[in-house]
Amino acid sequence: TITGVSQWPYRAVARALEVIPRTLIQNCGANPIRT
């Protein structure tokens, strides 16, 4: 719903939040991409 150039950094924040589940997957040795 956001127009203009600021939608990209906004999307990047959403993507950055995934670092927590990704790190949890990595720390127990599972496959990060698939999971």
PDB file of all heavy atoms in Angstrom:
ATOM      1  N   THR A   1       0.830  -1.218   0.000  1.00  0.00           N
ATOM      2  CA  THR A   1       0.000   0.000   0.000  1.00  0.00           C
ATOM      3  C   THR A   1       0.859   1.261   0.000  1.00  0.00           C
ATOM      4  O   THR A   1       0.342   2.367  -0.128  1.00  0.00           O
ATOM      5  CB  THR A   1      -0.912   0.032   1.243  1.00  0.00           C
ATOM      6  OG1 THR A   1      -0.074   0.068   2.410  1.00  0.00           O
ATOM      7  CG2 THR A   1      -1.804  -1.194   1.303  1.00  0.00           C
ATOM      8  N   ILE A   2       2.177   1.111   0.179  1.00  0.00           N
ATOM      9  CA  ILE A   2       3.055   2.285   0.254  1.00  0.00           C
ATOM     10  C   ILE A   2       3.555   2.618  -1.151  1.00  0.00           C
ATOM     11  O   ILE A   2       4.007   1.730  -1.879  1.00  0.00           O
ATOM     12  CB  ILE A   2       4.249   2.023   1.199  1.00  0.00           C
ATOM     13  CG1 ILE A   2       3.724   1.816   2.624  1.00  0.00           C
ATOM     14  CG2 ILE A   2       5.244   3.181   1.176  1.00  0.00           C
ATOM     15  CD1 ILE A   2       4.768   1.374   3.603  1.00  0.00           C
ATOM     16  N   THR A   3       3.455   3.880  -1.490  1.00  0.00           N
ATOM     17  CA  THR A   3       3.964   4.288  -2.815  1.00  0.00           C
ATOM     18  C   THR A   3       5.272   5.027  -2.643  1.00  0.00           C
ATOM     19  O   THR A   3       5.598   5.476  -1.550  1.00  0.00           O
ATOM     20  CB  THR A   3       2.941   5.215  -3.511  1.00  0.00           C
ATOM     21  OG1 THR A   3       2.645   6.280  -2.618  1.00  0.00           O
ATOM     22  CG2 THR A   3       1.684   4.451  -3.876  1.00  0.00           C
ATOM     23  N   GLY A   4       5.991   5.159  -3.716  1.00  0.00           N
ATOM     24  CA  GLY A   4       7.243   5.916  -3.645  1.00  0.00           C
ATOM     25  C   GLY A   4       8.413   5.030  -3.287  1.00  0.00           C
ATOM     26  O   GLY A   4       8.279   3.823  -3.095  1.00  0.00           O
ATOM     27  N   VAL A   5       9.565   5.673  -3.200  1.00  0.00           N
ATOM     28  CA  VAL A   5      10.818   4.936  -3.045  1.00  0.00           C
ATOM     29  C   VAL A   5      10.955   4.304  -1.649  1.00  0.00           C
ATOM     30  O   VAL A   5      11.682   3.344  -1.462  1.00  0.00           O
ATOM     31  CB  VAL A   5      12.011   5.871  -3.389  1.00  0.00           C
ATOM     32  CG1 VAL A   5      12.293   6.842  -2.261  1.00  0.00           C
ATOM     33  CG2 VAL A   5      13.247   5.065  -3.722  1.00  0.00           C
ATOM     34  N   SER A   6      10.219   4.848  -0.647  1.00  0.00           N
ATOM     35  CA  SER A   6      10.412   4.347   0.725  1.00  0.00           C
ATOM     36  C   SER A   6       9.819   2.959   0.946  1.00  0.00           C
ATOM     37  O   SER A   6      10.014   2.370   2.001  1.00  0.00           O
ATOM     38  CB  SER A   6       9.824   5.327   1.738  1.00  0.00           C
ATOM     39  OG  SER A   6       8.443   5.454   1.536  1.00  0.00           O
ATOM     40  N   GLN A   7       9.060   2.439  -0.071  1.00  0.00           N
ATOM     41  CA  GLN A   7       8.513   1.097   0.135  1.00  0.00           C
ATOM     42  C   GLN A   7       9.616   0.038   0.172  1.00  0.00           C
ATOM     43  O   GLN A   7       9.453  -1.010   0.799  1.00  0.00           O
ATOM     44  CB  GLN A   7       7.498   0.750  -0.949  1.00  0.00           C
ATOM     45  CG  GLN A   7       8.084   0.668  -2.346  1.00  0.00           C
ATOM     46  CD  GLN A   7       7.088   0.129  -3.341  1.00  0.00           C
ATOM     47  OE1 GLN A   7       6.576  -0.967  -3.159  1.00  0.00           O
ATOM     48  NE2 GLN A   7       6.803   0.900  -4.384  1.00  0.00           N
ATOM     49  N   TRP A   8      10.768   0.323  -0.469  1.00  0.00           N
ATOM     50  CA  TRP A   8      11.827  -0.699  -0.507  1.00  0.00           C
ATOM     51  C   TRP A   8      12.502  -0.884   0.858  1.00  0.00           C
ATOM     52  O   TRP A   8      12.640  -2.030   1.309  1.00  0.00           O
ATOM     53  CB  TRP A   8      12.838  -0.376  -1.622  1.00  0.00           C
ATOM     54  CG  TRP A   8      12.157  -0.254  -2.948  1.00  0.00           C
ATOM     55  CD1 TRP A   8      11.977   0.879  -3.684  1.00  0.00           C
ATOM     56  CD2 TRP A   8      11.472  -1.292  -3.664  1.00  0.00           C
ATOM     57  NE1 TRP A   8      11.243   0.624  -4.819  1.00  0.00           N
ATOM     58  CE2 TRP A   8      10.915  -0.714  -4.834  1.00  0.00           C
ATOM     59  CE3 TRP A   8      11.274  -2.654  -3.425  1.00  0.00           C
ATOM     60  CZ2 TRP A   8      10.190  -1.436  -5.768  1.00  0.00           C
ATOM     61  CZ3 TRP A   8      10.549  -3.387  -4.356  1.00  0.00           C
ATOM     62  CH2 TRP A   8      10.015  -2.780  -5.498  1.00  0.00           C
ATOM     63  N   PRO A   9      12.923   0.211   1.521  1.00  0.00           N
ATOM     64  CA  PRO A   9      13.460  -0.002   2.872  1.00  0.00           C
ATOM     65  C   PRO A   9      12.412  -0.628   3.808  1.00  0.00           C
ATOM     66  O   PRO A   9      12.742  -1.433   4.669  1.00  0.00           O
ATOM     67  CB  PRO A   9      13.822   1.412   3.346  1.00  0.00           C
ATOM     68  CG  PRO A   9      13.929   2.232   2.128  1.00  0.00           C
ATOM     69  CD  PRO A   9      13.057   1.612   1.102  1.00  0.00           C
ATOM     70  N   TYR A  10      11.137  -0.262   3.618  1.00  0.00           N
ATOM     71  CA  TYR A  10      10.058  -0.812   4.445  1.00  0.00           C
ATOM     72  C   TYR A  10       9.990  -2.334   4.267  1.00  0.00           C
ATOM     73  O   TYR A  10       9.886  -3.086   5.235  1.00  0.00           O
ATOM     74  CB  TYR A  10       8.731  -0.156   4.021  1.00  0.00           C
ATOM     75  CG  TYR A  10       7.574  -0.421   4.943  1.00  0.00           C
ATOM     76  CD1 TYR A  10       7.229   0.481   5.939  1.00  0.00           C
ATOM     77  CD2 TYR A  10       6.797  -1.572   4.822  1.00  0.00           C
ATOM     78  CE1 TYR A  10       6.148   0.256   6.776  1.00  0.00           C
ATOM     79  CE2 TYR A  10       5.727  -1.814   5.653  1.00  0.00           C
ATOM     80  CZ  TYR A  10       5.400  -0.895   6.628  1.00  0.00           C
ATOM     81  OH  TYR A  10       4.338  -1.126   7.470  1.00  0.00           O
ATOM     82  N   ARG A  11      10.084  -2.768   2.995  1.00  0.00           N
ATOM     83  CA  ARG A  11      10.090  -4.212   2.712  1.00  0.00           C
ATOM     84  C   ARG A  11      11.327  -4.886   3.319  1.00  0.00           C
ATOM     85  O   ARG A  11      11.256  -6.025   3.780  1.00  0.00           O
ATOM     86  CB  ARG A  11      10.134  -4.433   1.202  1.00  0.00           C
ATOM     87  CG  ARG A  11       8.778  -4.404   0.573  1.00  0.00           C
ATOM     88  CD  ARG A  11       8.634  -5.489  -0.492  1.00  0.00           C
ATOM     89  NE  ARG A  11       7.225  -5.548  -0.875  1.00  0.00           N
ATOM     90  CZ  ARG A  11       6.744  -4.964  -1.967  1.00  0.00           C
ATOM     91  NH1 ARG A  11       7.542  -4.323  -2.779  1.00  0.00           N
ATOM     92  NH2 ARG A  11       5.466  -5.045  -2.238  1.00  0.00           N
ATOM     93  N   ALA A  12      12.439  -4.147   3.267  1.00  0.00           N
ATOM     94  CA  ALA A  12      13.697  -4.710   3.786  1.00  0.00           C
ATOM     95  C   ALA A  12      13.581  -4.996   5.278  1.00  0.00           C
ATOM     96  O   ALA A  12      14.135  -5.979   5.780  1.00  0.00           O
ATOM     97  CB  ALA A  12      14.846  -3.746   3.516  1.00  0.00           C
ATOM     98  N   VAL A  13      12.848  -4.142   6.020  1.00  0.00           N
ATOM     99  CA  VAL A  13      12.648  -4.367   7.459  1.00  0.00           C
ATOM    100  C   VAL A  13      11.891  -5.679   7.655  1.00  0.00           C
ATOM    101  O   VAL A  13      12.231  -6.492   8.519  1.00  0.00           O
ATOM    102  CB  VAL A  13      11.874  -3.188   8.108  1.00  0.00           C
ATOM    103  CG1 VAL A  13      11.468  -3.520   9.527  1.00  0.00           C
ATOM    104  CG2 VAL A  13      12.725  -1.929   8.086  1.00  0.00           C
ATOM    105  N   ALA A  14      10.862  -5.884   6.834  1.00  0.00           N
ATOM    106  CA  ALA A  14      10.089  -7.128   6.922  1.00  0.00           C
ATOM    107  C   ALA A  14      10.990  -8.335   6.669  1.00  0.00           C
ATOM    108  O   ALA A  14      10.910  -9.349   7.367  1.00  0.00           O
ATOM    109  CB  ALA A  14       8.950  -7.096   5.905  1.00  0.00           C
ATOM    110  N   ARG A  15      11.897  -8.186   5.698  1.00  0.00           N
ATOM    111  CA  ARG A  15      12.804  -9.301   5.383  1.00  0.00           C
ATOM    112  C   ARG A  15      13.811  -9.515   6.523  1.00  0.00           C
ATOM    113  O   ARG A  15      14.161 -10.645   6.844  1.00  0.00           O
ATOM    114  CB  ARG A  15      13.536  -8.991   4.059  1.00  0.00           C
ATOM    115  CG  ARG A  15      14.172 -10.219   3.439  1.00  0.00           C
ATOM    116  CD  ARG A  15      14.680  -9.975   2.034  1.00  0.00           C
ATOM    117  NE  ARG A  15      15.782  -9.008   1.994  1.00  0.00           N
ATOM    118  CZ  ARG A  15      15.696  -7.794   1.440  1.00  0.00           C
ATOM    119  NH1 ARG A  15      14.578  -7.399   0.876  1.00  0.00           N
ATOM    120  NH2 ARG A  15      16.714  -6.965   1.455  1.00  0.00           N
ATOM    121  N   ALA A  16      14.244  -8.403   7.126  1.00  0.00           N
ATOM    122  CA  ALA A  16      15.250  -8.492   8.201  1.00  0.00           C
ATOM    123  C   ALA A  16      14.686  -9.220   9.422  1.00  0.00           C
ATOM    124  O   ALA A  16      15.429  -9.872  10.153  1.00  0.00           O
ATOM    125  CB  ALA A  16      15.717  -7.098   8.605  1.00  0.00           C
ATOM    126  N   LEU A  17      13.373  -9.115   9.657  1.00  0.00           N
ATOM    127  CA  LEU A  17      12.771  -9.781  10.820  1.00  0.00           C
ATOM    128  C   LEU A  17      12.933 -11.299  10.747  1.00  0.00           C
ATOM    129  O   LEU A  17      12.931 -11.981  11.774  1.00  0.00           O
ATOM    130  CB  LEU A  17      11.274  -9.438  10.904  1.00  0.00           C
ATOM    131  CG  LEU A  17      10.937  -8.046  11.423  1.00  0.00           C
ATOM    132  CD1 LEU A  17       9.477  -7.750  11.216  1.00  0.00           C
ATOM    133  CD2 LEU A  17      11.291  -7.901  12.890  1.00  0.00           C
ATOM    134  N   GLU A  18      13.098 -11.814   9.530  1.00  0.00           N
ATOM    135  CA  GLU A  18      13.221 -13.268   9.375  1.00  0.00           C
ATOM    136  C   GLU A  18      14.552 -13.801   9.899  1.00  0.00           C
ATOM    137  O   GLU A  18      14.768 -15.008   9.935  1.00  0.00           O
ATOM    138  CB  GLU A  18      13.061 -13.653   7.895  1.00  0.00           C
ATOM    139  CG  GLU A  18      11.656 -13.398   7.367  1.00  0.00           C
ATOM    140  CD  GLU A  18      11.503 -13.780   5.895  1.00  0.00           C
ATOM    141  OE1 GLU A  18      12.490 -14.252   5.303  1.00  0.00           O
ATOM    142  OE2 GLU A  18      10.406 -13.589   5.355  1.00  0.00           O
ATOM    143  N   VAL A  19      15.436 -12.896  10.303  1.00  0.00           N
ATOM    144  CA  VAL A  19      16.757 -13.341  10.778  1.00  0.00           C
ATOM    145  C   VAL A  19      16.623 -14.188  12.055  1.00  0.00           C
ATOM    146  O   VAL A  19      17.414 -15.098  12.284  1.00  0.00           O
ATOM    147  CB  VAL A  19      17.714 -12.139  11.020  1.00  0.00           C
ATOM    148  CG1 VAL A  19      17.309 -11.312  12.227  1.00  0.00           C
ATOM    149  CG2 VAL A  19      19.141 -12.624  11.213  1.00  0.00           C
ATOM    150  N   ILE A  20      15.602 -13.914  12.869  1.00  0.00           N
ATOM    151  CA  ILE A  20      15.466 -14.663  14.136  1.00  0.00           C
ATOM    152  C   ILE A  20      15.107 -16.131  13.849  1.00  0.00           C
ATOM    153  O   ILE A  20      15.843 -17.025  14.277  1.00  0.00           O
ATOM    154  CB  ILE A  20      14.435 -13.989  15.071  1.00  0.00           C
ATOM    155  CG1 ILE A  20      14.884 -12.571  15.423  1.00  0.00           C
ATOM    156  CG2 ILE A  20      14.180 -14.830  16.321  1.00  0.00           C
ATOM    157  CD1 ILE A  20      16.041 -12.454  16.385  1.00  0.00           C
ATOM    158  N   PRO A  21      13.996 -16.420  13.081  1.00  0.00           N
ATOM    159  CA  PRO A  21      13.757 -17.842  12.780  1.00  0.00           C
ATOM    160  C   PRO A  21      14.906 -18.477  12.001  1.00  0.00           C
ATOM    161  O   PRO A  21      15.261 -19.632  12.236  1.00  0.00           O
ATOM    162  CB  PRO A  21      12.466 -17.835  11.951  1.00  0.00           C
ATOM    163  CG  PRO A  21      12.164 -16.421  11.632  1.00  0.00           C
ATOM    164  CD  PRO A  21      12.890 -15.569  12.595  1.00  0.00           C
ATOM    165  N   ARG A  22      15.545 -17.694  11.092  1.00  0.00           N
ATOM    166  CA  ARG A  22      16.650 -18.264  10.294  1.00  0.00           C
ATOM    167  C   ARG A  22      17.815 -18.679  11.201  1.00  0.00           C
ATOM    168  O   ARG A  22      18.391 -19.756  11.028  1.00  0.00           O
ATOM    169  CB  ARG A  22      17.111 -17.234   9.254  1.00  0.00           C
ATOM    170  CG  ARG A  22      18.157 -17.830   8.308  1.00  0.00           C
ATOM    171  CD  ARG A  22      18.401 -16.975   7.091  1.00  0.00           C
ATOM    172  NE  ARG A  22      19.115 -15.742   7.421  1.00  0.00           N
ATOM    173  CZ  ARG A  22      18.629 -14.525   7.214  1.00  0.00           C
ATOM    174  NH1 ARG A  22      17.426 -14.366   6.679  1.00  0.00           N
ATOM    175  NH2 ARG A  22      19.316 -13.450   7.539  1.00  0.00           N
ATOM    176  N   THR A  23      18.142 -17.821  12.165  1.00  0.00           N
ATOM    177  CA  THR A  23      19.257 -18.138  13.072  1.00  0.00           C
ATOM    178  C   THR A  23      18.922 -19.359  13.924  1.00  0.00           C
ATOM    179  O   THR A  23      19.779 -20.200  14.182  1.00  0.00           O
ATOM    180  CB  THR A  23      19.558 -16.922  13.975  1.00  0.00           C
ATOM    181  OG1 THR A  23      19.751 -15.780  13.149  1.00  0.00           O
ATOM    182  CG2 THR A  23      20.797 -17.135  14.809  1.00  0.00           C
ATOM    183  N   LEU A  24      17.657 -19.450  14.375  1.00  0.00           N
ATOM    184  CA  LEU A  24      17.242 -20.627  15.161  1.00  0.00           C
ATOM    185  C   LEU A  24      17.429 -21.904  14.348  1.00  0.00           C
ATOM    186  O   LEU A  24      17.898 -22.920  14.862  1.00  0.00           O
ATOM    187  CB  LEU A  24      15.771 -20.496  15.558  1.00  0.00           C
ATOM    188  CG  LEU A  24      15.445 -19.586  16.751  1.00  0.00           C
ATOM    189  CD1 LEU A  24      13.946 -19.410  16.886  1.00  0.00           C
ATOM    190  CD2 LEU A  24      16.008 -20.165  18.038  1.00  0.00           C
ATOM    191  N   ILE A  25      17.076 -21.841  13.050  1.00  0.00           N
ATOM    192  CA  ILE A  25      17.208 -23.027  12.179  1.00  0.00           C
ATOM    193  C   ILE A  25      18.695 -23.372  12.020  1.00  0.00           C
ATOM    194  O   ILE A  25      19.100 -24.535  12.147  1.00  0.00           O
ATOM    195  CB  ILE A  25      16.579 -22.763  10.788  1.00  0.00           C
ATOM    196  CG1 ILE A  25      15.081 -22.470  10.919  1.00  0.00           C
ATOM    197  CG2 ILE A  25      16.774 -23.964   9.874  1.00  0.00           C
ATOM    198  CD1 ILE A  25      14.455 -21.831   9.678  1.00  0.00           C
ATOM    199  N   GLN A  26      19.517 -22.341  11.781  1.00  0.00           N
ATOM    200  CA  GLN A  26      20.961 -22.582  11.573  1.00  0.00           C
ATOM    201  C   GLN A  26      21.609 -23.186  12.823  1.00  0.00           C
ATOM    202  O   GLN A  26      22.439 -24.090  12.722  1.00  0.00           O
ATOM    203  CB  GLN A  26      21.666 -21.271  11.229  1.00  0.00           C
ATOM    204  CG  GLN A  26      21.440 -20.839   9.782  1.00  0.00           C
ATOM    205  CD  GLN A  26      21.862 -19.402   9.541  1.00  0.00           C
ATOM    206  OE1 GLN A  26      22.071 -18.642  10.475  1.00  0.00           O
ATOM    207  NE2 GLN A  26      21.962 -19.019   8.277  1.00  0.00           N
ATOM    208  N   ASN A  27      21.210 -22.686  14.010  1.00  0.00           N
ATOM    209  CA  ASN A  27      21.872 -23.118  15.242  1.00  0.00           C
ATOM    210  C   ASN A  27      21.575 -24.571  15.588  1.00  0.00           C
ATOM    211  O   ASN A  27      22.297 -25.177  16.370  1.00  0.00           O
ATOM    212  CB  ASN A  27      21.490 -22.216  16.415  1.00  0.00           C
ATOM    213  CG  ASN A  27      22.226 -20.890  16.352  1.00  0.00           C
ATOM    214  OD1 ASN A  27      23.072 -20.697  15.488  1.00  0.00           O
ATOM    215  ND2 ASN A  27      21.912 -19.981  17.241  1.00  0.00           N
ATOM    216  N   CYS A  28      20.471 -25.124  15.045  1.00  0.00           N
ATOM    217  CA  CYS A  28      20.234 -26.543  15.351  1.00  0.00           C
ATOM    218  C   CYS A  28      20.552 -27.429  14.140  1.00  0.00           C
ATOM    219  O   CYS A  28      20.189 -28.604  14.107  1.00  0.00           O
ATOM    220  CB  CYS A  28      18.827 -26.767  15.883  1.00  0.00           C
ATOM    221  SG  CYS A  28      17.565 -26.330  14.739  1.00  0.00           S
ATOM    222  N   GLY A  29      21.204 -26.838  13.134  1.00  0.00           N
ATOM    223  CA  GLY A  29      21.757 -27.645  12.042  1.00  0.00           C
ATOM    224  C   GLY A  29      20.772 -28.083  10.981  1.00  0.00           C
ATOM    225  O   GLY A  29      21.050 -29.009  10.227  1.00  0.00           O
ATOM    226  N   ALA A  30      19.595 -27.419  10.903  1.00  0.00           N
ATOM    227  CA  ALA A  30      18.620 -27.795   9.857  1.00  0.00           C
ATOM    228  C   ALA A  30      18.910 -27.007   8.576  1.00  0.00           C
ATOM    229  O   ALA A  30      19.824 -26.177   8.538  1.00  0.00           O
ATOM    230  CB  ALA A  30      17.209 -27.527  10.348  1.00  0.00           C
ATOM    231  N   ASN A  31      18.104 -27.237   7.536  1.00  0.00           N
ATOM    232  CA  ASN A  31      18.295 -26.552   6.262  1.00  0.00           C
ATOM    233  C   ASN A  31      17.532 -25.218   6.281  1.00  0.00           C
ATOM    234  O   ASN A  31      16.293 -25.212   6.259  1.00  0.00           O
ATOM    235  CB  ASN A  31      17.768 -27.452   5.137  1.00  0.00           C
ATOM    236  CG  ASN A  31      17.979 -26.821   3.773  1.00  0.00           C
ATOM    237  OD1 ASN A  31      18.066 -25.598   3.637  1.00  0.00           O
ATOM    238  ND2 ASN A  31      18.071 -27.660   2.755  1.00  0.00           N
ATOM    239  N   PRO A  32      18.251 -24.059   6.331  1.00  0.00           N
ATOM    240  CA  PRO A  32      17.568 -22.773   6.510  1.00  0.00           C
ATOM    241  C   PRO A  32      16.629 -22.428   5.361  1.00  0.00           C
ATOM    242  O   PRO A  32      15.508 -21.982   5.597  1.00  0.00           O
ATOM    243  CB  PRO A  32      18.699 -21.748   6.594  1.00  0.00           C
ATOM    244  CG  PRO A  32      19.934 -22.522   6.790  1.00  0.00           C
ATOM    245  CD  PRO A  32      19.705 -23.894   6.268  1.00  0.00           C
ATOM    246  N   ILE A  33      17.056 -22.655   4.110  1.00  0.00           N
ATOM    247  CA  ILE A  33      16.254 -22.199   2.954  1.00  0.00           C
ATOM    248  C   ILE A  33      14.932 -22.956   2.892  1.00  0.00           C
ATOM    249  O   ILE A  33      13.856 -22.374   2.820  1.00  0.00           O
ATOM    250  CB  ILE A  33      17.050 -22.354   1.638  1.00  0.00           C
ATOM    251  CG1 ILE A  33      18.283 -21.456   1.696  1.00  0.00           C
ATOM    252  CG2 ILE A  33      16.187 -22.004   0.440  1.00  0.00           C
ATOM    253  CD1 ILE A  33      19.308 -21.700   0.642  1.00  0.00           C
ATOM    254  N   ARG A  34      15.022 -24.285   2.987  1.00  0.00           N
ATOM    255  CA  ARG A  34      13.816 -25.110   2.856  1.00  0.00           C
ATOM    256  C   ARG A  34      12.846 -24.826   4.016  1.00  0.00           C
ATOM    257  O   ARG A  34      11.643 -24.640   3.809  1.00  0.00           O
ATOM    258  CB  ARG A  34      14.227 -26.586   2.841  1.00  0.00           C
ATOM    259  CG  ARG A  34      13.085 -27.517   2.441  1.00  0.00           C
ATOM    260  CD  ARG A  34      13.573 -28.938   2.286  1.00  0.00           C
ATOM    261  NE  ARG A  34      14.556 -29.064   1.198  1.00  0.00           N
ATOM    262  CZ  ARG A  34      15.452 -30.038   1.125  1.00  0.00           C
ATOM    263  NH1 ARG A  34      15.511 -30.946   2.064  1.00  0.00           N
ATOM    264  NH2 ARG A  34      16.304 -30.094   0.121  1.00  0.00           N
ATOM    265  N   THR A  35      13.372 -24.810   5.232  1.00  0.00           N
ATOM    266  CA  THR A  35      12.511 -24.631   6.415  1.00  0.00           C
ATOM    267  C   THR A  35      11.861 -23.255   6.411  1.00  0.00           C
ATOM    268  O   THR A  35      10.684 -23.108   6.730  1.00  0.00           O
ATOM    269  CB  THR A  35      13.340 -24.815   7.710  1.00  0.00           C
ATOM    270  OG1 THR A  35      14.214 -25.928   7.556  1.00  0.00           O
ATOM    271  CG2 THR A  35      12.458 -25.042   8.908  1.00  0.00           C
TER     272      THR A  35
END
